Protein backbone atom coordinates (compact mmCIF):
# COMPACT_ATOMS: atom_id res chain seq x y z
CA MET A 1 -9.59 134.99 -68.06
CA GLY A 2 -7.93 137.56 -66.41
CA LYS A 3 -6.25 137.38 -63.05
CA ASN A 4 -8.76 139.63 -61.24
CA ARG A 5 -11.96 137.59 -62.38
CA ILE A 6 -13.86 137.08 -59.15
CA ILE A 7 -15.17 133.71 -58.29
CA VAL A 8 -18.65 133.98 -56.50
CA ILE A 9 -19.63 130.21 -54.96
CA GLY A 10 -23.39 130.47 -53.37
CA SER A 11 -26.78 130.25 -53.59
CA CYS A 12 -29.27 130.71 -56.52
CA ASN A 13 -32.98 131.36 -55.15
CA THR A 14 -36.20 132.40 -56.54
CA ASP A 15 -37.87 135.13 -54.45
CA MET A 16 -41.30 135.59 -54.14
CA THR A 17 -41.85 138.91 -51.99
CA ILE A 18 -45.30 140.70 -50.49
CA TYR A 19 -45.14 144.33 -49.83
CA ALA A 20 -47.18 144.90 -46.59
CA ASP A 21 -48.02 147.78 -44.38
CA ARG A 22 -46.30 145.53 -41.59
CA LEU A 23 -44.71 142.20 -40.81
CA PRO A 24 -47.08 139.73 -39.41
CA LYS A 25 -46.76 138.27 -35.81
CA PRO A 26 -46.76 134.66 -35.56
CA GLY A 27 -50.04 133.22 -36.39
CA GLU A 28 -51.18 136.45 -37.88
CA THR A 29 -52.35 137.34 -41.21
CA VAL A 30 -51.61 140.48 -42.55
CA LEU A 31 -53.74 141.54 -45.73
CA GLY A 32 -53.48 144.20 -48.81
CA GLY A 33 -50.16 143.51 -50.05
CA SER A 34 -48.61 143.18 -53.33
CA PHE A 35 -46.66 140.61 -54.44
CA LYS A 36 -43.31 140.41 -57.21
CA MET A 37 -41.26 138.04 -57.85
CA PHE A 38 -37.60 138.15 -58.61
CA SER A 39 -34.56 135.97 -58.95
CA GLY A 40 -32.41 136.11 -55.91
CA GLY A 41 -30.58 134.09 -53.56
CA LYS A 42 -27.43 135.72 -51.95
CA GLY A 43 -24.74 134.12 -54.14
CA GLY A 44 -26.88 134.95 -57.25
CA ASN A 45 -27.31 138.64 -55.62
CA GLN A 46 -23.74 139.02 -54.87
CA ALA A 47 -22.87 137.67 -58.79
CA VAL A 48 -25.01 140.00 -60.17
CA ALA A 49 -23.74 142.88 -57.92
CA THR A 50 -20.37 142.17 -59.27
CA ALA A 51 -21.26 142.17 -62.73
CA ARG A 52 -23.22 144.82 -62.70
CA LEU A 53 -20.37 147.09 -60.93
CA GLY A 54 -17.60 146.22 -63.65
CA GLY A 55 -16.18 142.98 -62.36
CA GLU A 56 -15.45 139.92 -64.64
CA VAL A 57 -17.43 137.13 -62.52
CA SER A 58 -17.74 133.24 -62.73
CA PHE A 59 -20.80 132.04 -60.92
CA VAL A 60 -20.85 128.32 -59.08
CA ALA A 61 -24.05 127.15 -57.85
CA LYS A 62 -26.62 124.65 -58.28
CA VAL A 63 -30.24 124.65 -59.68
CA GLY A 64 -33.14 122.48 -59.98
CA ASN A 65 -34.40 120.73 -63.16
CA ASP A 66 -36.93 123.16 -63.73
CA ILE A 67 -38.81 126.27 -64.97
CA PHE A 68 -37.24 128.31 -62.02
CA GLY A 69 -33.87 127.25 -62.70
CA GLU A 70 -33.95 128.18 -66.46
CA GLN A 71 -35.23 131.41 -65.95
CA VAL A 72 -32.24 132.59 -63.66
CA LEU A 73 -29.67 131.24 -66.24
CA GLU A 74 -31.33 132.99 -69.02
CA GLN A 75 -30.98 136.15 -66.76
CA TYR A 76 -27.26 135.71 -65.31
CA ASP A 77 -26.47 135.33 -69.05
CA LYS A 78 -27.63 138.41 -69.76
CA GLU A 79 -25.77 140.18 -66.88
CA GLY A 80 -22.80 138.86 -68.22
CA ILE A 81 -21.92 136.22 -65.52
CA ASP A 82 -19.65 133.34 -66.58
CA THR A 83 -22.33 130.59 -66.01
CA ARG A 84 -20.43 127.50 -67.28
CA PHE A 85 -20.04 125.92 -63.36
CA ILE A 86 -23.55 126.38 -62.40
CA LEU A 87 -24.67 123.07 -62.09
CA SER A 88 -28.16 121.37 -62.44
CA ASP A 89 -29.57 118.79 -60.23
CA SER A 90 -32.11 116.43 -61.40
CA HIS A 91 -33.89 115.25 -57.89
CA MET A 92 -34.26 119.30 -56.00
CA PRO A 93 -35.96 122.09 -57.09
CA THR A 94 -34.42 125.32 -57.25
CA GLY A 95 -34.37 127.13 -53.96
CA VAL A 96 -36.77 129.55 -53.29
CA ALA A 97 -36.97 132.74 -51.00
CA LEU A 98 -40.44 133.30 -49.42
CA ILE A 99 -40.50 137.26 -48.32
CA THR A 100 -42.23 140.00 -46.46
CA VAL A 101 -40.98 143.81 -46.26
CA ASP A 102 -43.06 146.51 -44.75
CA GLN A 103 -43.72 150.35 -45.36
CA LYS A 104 -40.37 150.87 -43.68
CA GLY A 105 -38.41 148.64 -46.11
CA GLU A 106 -37.95 145.97 -43.34
CA ASN A 107 -37.95 142.30 -44.03
CA CYS A 108 -38.43 138.88 -42.90
CA ILE A 109 -37.37 135.69 -45.13
CA SER A 110 -37.86 132.01 -44.87
CA VAL A 111 -36.04 129.75 -47.58
CA ALA A 112 -36.50 126.46 -49.18
CA SER A 113 -32.81 125.66 -50.28
CA GLY A 114 -33.89 123.16 -52.85
CA ALA A 115 -30.55 122.48 -55.03
CA ASN A 116 -28.71 124.80 -52.53
CA ALA A 117 -28.14 122.20 -50.31
CA GLU A 118 -26.96 119.89 -52.74
CA LEU A 119 -23.75 121.64 -53.99
CA LYS A 120 -20.86 119.64 -52.29
CA PRO A 121 -17.46 119.71 -52.08
CA ALA A 122 -17.11 117.20 -55.03
CA ASP A 123 -18.80 120.09 -57.31
CA ILE A 124 -16.42 122.46 -56.15
CA GLU A 125 -13.48 119.87 -57.34
CA GLN A 126 -14.60 119.68 -60.33
CA VAL A 127 -14.43 123.30 -60.68
CA GLY A 128 -10.86 123.69 -59.52
CA GLU A 129 -9.62 125.02 -62.77
CA LEU A 130 -10.96 128.34 -62.05
CA PHE A 131 -9.17 129.30 -58.87
CA ASN A 132 -6.04 129.01 -61.08
CA MET A 133 -7.27 132.00 -63.17
CA SER A 134 -8.91 134.37 -60.58
CA GLU A 135 -7.97 137.05 -57.56
CA ILE A 136 -11.25 137.02 -55.50
CA LEU A 137 -13.43 134.27 -54.17
CA LEU A 138 -16.45 135.12 -52.53
CA LEU A 139 -18.75 133.24 -50.16
CA GLN A 140 -22.02 133.48 -48.21
CA LEU A 141 -23.72 130.84 -46.00
CA GLU A 142 -26.49 129.65 -47.79
CA ILE A 143 -24.98 126.41 -49.14
CA PRO A 144 -23.19 123.93 -46.41
CA ILE A 145 -20.85 124.53 -44.48
CA GLU A 146 -18.44 121.84 -45.47
CA THR A 147 -18.53 123.33 -49.25
CA VAL A 148 -17.79 126.65 -47.87
CA THR A 149 -15.08 125.46 -45.94
CA TYR A 150 -13.68 123.33 -48.65
CA ALA A 151 -13.64 126.26 -51.26
CA ALA A 152 -12.31 128.34 -48.92
CA ARG A 153 -9.19 125.97 -48.27
CA LEU A 154 -8.80 125.18 -51.96
CA ALA A 155 -8.64 128.91 -53.18
CA PHE A 156 -6.29 129.79 -50.01
CA ASP A 157 -3.91 126.88 -51.06
CA LYS A 158 -3.82 128.65 -54.88
CA GLY A 159 -3.16 132.21 -53.35
CA VAL A 160 -6.79 133.64 -54.01
CA LYS A 161 -8.45 136.25 -51.43
CA VAL A 162 -11.23 134.47 -49.72
CA ILE A 163 -13.78 136.95 -48.43
CA LEU A 164 -16.88 135.62 -46.61
CA ASN A 165 -20.30 137.07 -45.95
CA PRO A 166 -21.23 135.27 -43.14
CA ALA A 167 -25.27 135.29 -43.82
CA PRO A 168 -27.49 133.64 -42.74
CA MET A 169 -25.50 133.47 -39.35
CA ALA A 170 -24.05 129.93 -38.76
CA SER A 171 -21.52 128.20 -36.25
CA LEU A 172 -17.94 128.66 -38.44
CA PRO A 173 -15.16 126.15 -37.81
CA ASP A 174 -11.78 127.37 -36.68
CA GLN A 175 -10.02 126.28 -39.51
CA LEU A 176 -12.25 128.66 -41.82
CA PHE A 177 -11.02 131.64 -40.44
CA GLN A 178 -7.34 130.92 -41.25
CA CYS A 179 -8.28 130.72 -44.96
CA LEU A 180 -10.08 134.50 -44.78
CA TYR A 181 -8.67 137.38 -46.45
CA ALA A 182 -11.42 139.44 -45.19
CA ILE A 183 -14.83 138.73 -43.45
CA ILE A 184 -18.35 140.94 -43.98
CA PRO A 185 -20.75 140.42 -41.34
CA ASN A 186 -23.72 142.64 -40.60
CA LYS A 187 -24.23 143.86 -36.60
CA ILE A 188 -26.46 140.91 -36.16
CA GLU A 189 -23.61 138.65 -37.60
CA ALA A 190 -20.72 140.43 -35.95
CA GLU A 191 -22.76 139.95 -32.60
CA ALA A 192 -23.23 136.38 -32.91
CA LEU A 193 -19.57 136.13 -33.85
CA SER A 194 -17.87 138.02 -31.26
CA GLY A 195 -20.56 138.10 -27.93
CA ILE A 196 -20.42 141.82 -27.88
CA GLU A 197 -23.62 143.88 -28.19
CA ILE A 198 -22.95 146.55 -30.40
CA LYS A 199 -24.57 149.69 -29.75
CA ASP A 200 -22.00 152.52 -31.07
CA ARG A 201 -18.81 152.32 -32.90
CA SER A 202 -16.28 151.75 -29.60
CA SER A 203 -18.67 148.62 -29.32
CA ALA A 204 -18.24 147.73 -32.74
CA ARG A 205 -14.64 148.25 -32.68
CA LYS A 206 -14.46 145.72 -29.83
CA ALA A 207 -16.41 143.37 -31.91
CA ALA A 208 -14.24 143.58 -34.84
CA ASP A 209 -11.30 143.12 -32.69
CA LEU A 210 -12.28 139.63 -31.16
CA ILE A 211 -13.47 138.67 -34.71
CA ALA A 212 -10.18 139.60 -35.86
CA GLY A 213 -8.80 137.33 -33.33
CA LYS A 214 -9.99 134.37 -34.73
CA GLY A 215 -7.35 134.62 -37.64
CA VAL A 216 -8.92 137.15 -40.22
CA ASP A 217 -6.68 140.51 -40.75
CA ILE A 218 -9.49 142.30 -42.46
CA VAL A 219 -13.00 142.51 -40.61
CA ILE A 220 -15.84 145.04 -42.09
CA ILE A 221 -18.96 145.16 -40.11
CA THR A 222 -21.95 146.84 -42.14
CA LEU A 223 -23.94 148.75 -39.88
CA GLY A 224 -27.15 149.95 -42.12
CA ASP A 225 -27.92 153.59 -42.03
CA GLU A 226 -24.91 153.79 -39.76
CA GLY A 227 -22.73 152.81 -42.85
CA ALA A 228 -19.88 150.55 -41.80
CA LEU A 229 -16.83 149.85 -39.76
CA VAL A 230 -13.44 148.41 -41.35
CA LYS A 231 -10.35 147.21 -39.56
CA GLU A 232 -7.43 146.44 -41.11
CA GLY A 233 -4.66 145.02 -38.79
CA ASN A 234 -4.27 147.91 -36.21
CA CYS A 235 -6.24 150.37 -38.31
CA TYR A 236 -10.03 151.55 -38.30
CA TYR A 237 -12.31 153.37 -40.45
CA ASP A 238 -15.54 154.45 -39.94
CA ILE A 239 -17.44 154.82 -43.17
CA ALA A 240 -20.72 156.98 -43.53
CA ALA A 241 -23.47 156.20 -45.05
CA ASP A 242 -25.31 158.08 -48.05
CA LYS A 243 -28.81 159.45 -46.54
CA VAL A 244 -31.35 157.81 -48.77
CA GLU A 245 -35.31 157.18 -48.17
CA VAL A 246 -35.13 153.42 -47.36
CA VAL A 247 -37.40 151.31 -49.33
CA ASP A 248 -36.68 147.29 -49.45
CA THR A 249 -33.37 146.48 -47.77
CA THR A 250 -33.00 143.14 -49.33
CA ALA A 251 -29.70 142.54 -50.91
CA ALA A 252 -28.66 145.39 -49.35
CA GLY A 253 -25.41 143.45 -47.66
CA ASP A 254 -25.06 141.58 -50.77
CA THR A 255 -24.71 144.40 -52.96
CA PHE A 256 -22.03 145.89 -50.81
CA CYS A 257 -20.32 142.54 -50.99
CA GLY A 258 -19.89 142.22 -54.75
CA ALA A 259 -18.90 145.90 -55.03
CA LEU A 260 -16.33 145.74 -52.43
CA CYS A 261 -15.01 142.96 -54.29
CA VAL A 262 -14.84 144.83 -57.73
CA ALA A 263 -13.03 148.00 -56.03
CA LEU A 264 -10.31 145.46 -54.85
CA SER A 265 -10.16 143.68 -57.92
CA GLU A 266 -9.36 147.30 -59.61
CA GLY A 267 -6.80 148.10 -56.88
CA GLN A 268 -8.74 149.88 -54.67
CA SER A 269 -7.30 150.30 -51.01
CA ILE A 270 -9.86 148.43 -48.27
CA GLU A 271 -10.94 151.88 -47.28
CA ASP A 272 -11.75 153.30 -50.58
CA ALA A 273 -13.61 149.77 -51.55
CA ALA A 274 -15.51 150.55 -48.79
CA VAL A 275 -17.00 153.76 -49.53
CA PHE A 276 -17.61 152.34 -53.02
CA ALA A 277 -19.34 149.43 -51.44
CA SER A 278 -21.74 151.65 -49.35
CA CYS A 279 -22.43 153.94 -52.29
CA ALA A 280 -23.60 150.97 -54.09
CA ALA A 281 -25.52 149.50 -50.97
CA GLY A 282 -27.26 153.02 -50.50
CA ILE A 283 -28.65 152.82 -53.92
CA SER A 284 -30.05 149.55 -53.75
CA VAL A 285 -32.30 150.17 -50.44
CA SER A 286 -33.96 152.73 -52.18
CA ARG A 287 -35.59 150.01 -54.60
CA LEU A 288 -37.88 147.63 -54.75
CA GLY A 289 -36.71 143.89 -54.89
CA ALA A 290 -33.13 142.04 -54.69
CA GLN A 291 -31.23 142.06 -57.98
CA SER A 292 -33.70 144.26 -59.38
CA SER A 293 -32.23 146.98 -56.94
CA ILE A 294 -28.73 146.14 -57.50
CA PRO A 295 -27.09 149.47 -59.43
CA TYR A 296 -25.34 149.56 -62.33
CA ARG A 297 -21.57 151.29 -62.13
CA ARG A 298 -22.85 154.24 -64.28
CA GLU A 299 -24.83 155.32 -61.30
CA LEU A 300 -22.15 155.48 -58.33
CA VAL A 301 -20.60 158.61 -58.16
CA PRO A 302 -16.52 158.46 -58.13
CA VAL A 303 -15.20 156.73 -55.04
CA GLY A 304 -14.41 159.83 -52.42
CA LYS A 305 -16.58 162.11 -53.86
CA ASN A 306 -19.08 163.92 -50.89
CA ARG A 307 -17.20 161.37 -48.65
CA THR A 308 -15.15 161.72 -45.58
CA ILE A 309 -13.49 158.23 -44.03
CA ASP A 310 -12.77 158.77 -40.40
CA SER A 311 -9.47 156.43 -39.42
CA TYR A 312 -7.58 155.46 -36.38
CA GLN A 313 -5.27 153.03 -34.53
CA SER A 314 -5.66 150.74 -31.90
């Protein structure tokens, strides 16, 4: 294993998705949708994105001793993901997500965490050897926050770059920020972290400044069809999004995160890595499903082609 290996620690779910004309209101039933089932979970999505886009990735997760767990392990093996560190829980089922997607590609999601909630710090301690041979650790928040914090500290102490996608949003302990190389919130998560309503690039920069003030040098706020804002120290980069027909936004953020880690592991600058990630995410929203929407490396145009990056300093 090379030192450029990427570790993803996070959730593994089976996504049950209904495509409907619109999202139901509370207490309402919307008829006429179509149903599909996919492998998902933010951790699983990010691991698949990392593998498909050319990264060498190990996935640390916990599944149930059930048919859903067997199916996702089989799929991850086919993707070329190192699954030796995926644990099985004999008491809890594999996580399940119930997703509704409307005609505009917007979604609402409910998750039954199952075995994901049982991924504990002691489990991370057992795979500590993995940190000695890895460059980047990618984390999200569909597993217990104490596990996220423990993994981040262990990786930081071993010189691994820790990248956090703070989704779904949760209260983050101050000490977690001290371990981060970068944080990648979307607009809603950035607003929650900063207390700033993001209306434009100026307010996005203010939000990024406040988040960075918690102790992390690199802040990347993903802004959907508005692209992304990258803050690296005193420098800012505005990353434009490709104009595509949006079909389903599920896993777009996960695709962005996985792609960014791949590009960084290859030695790309943070701004070029964000361009690469934005391109990958743009492809994913034009397709149905979570992992089924994630592109392969051959589908991406070379970094910088037909792209501009607006950069400036504070």
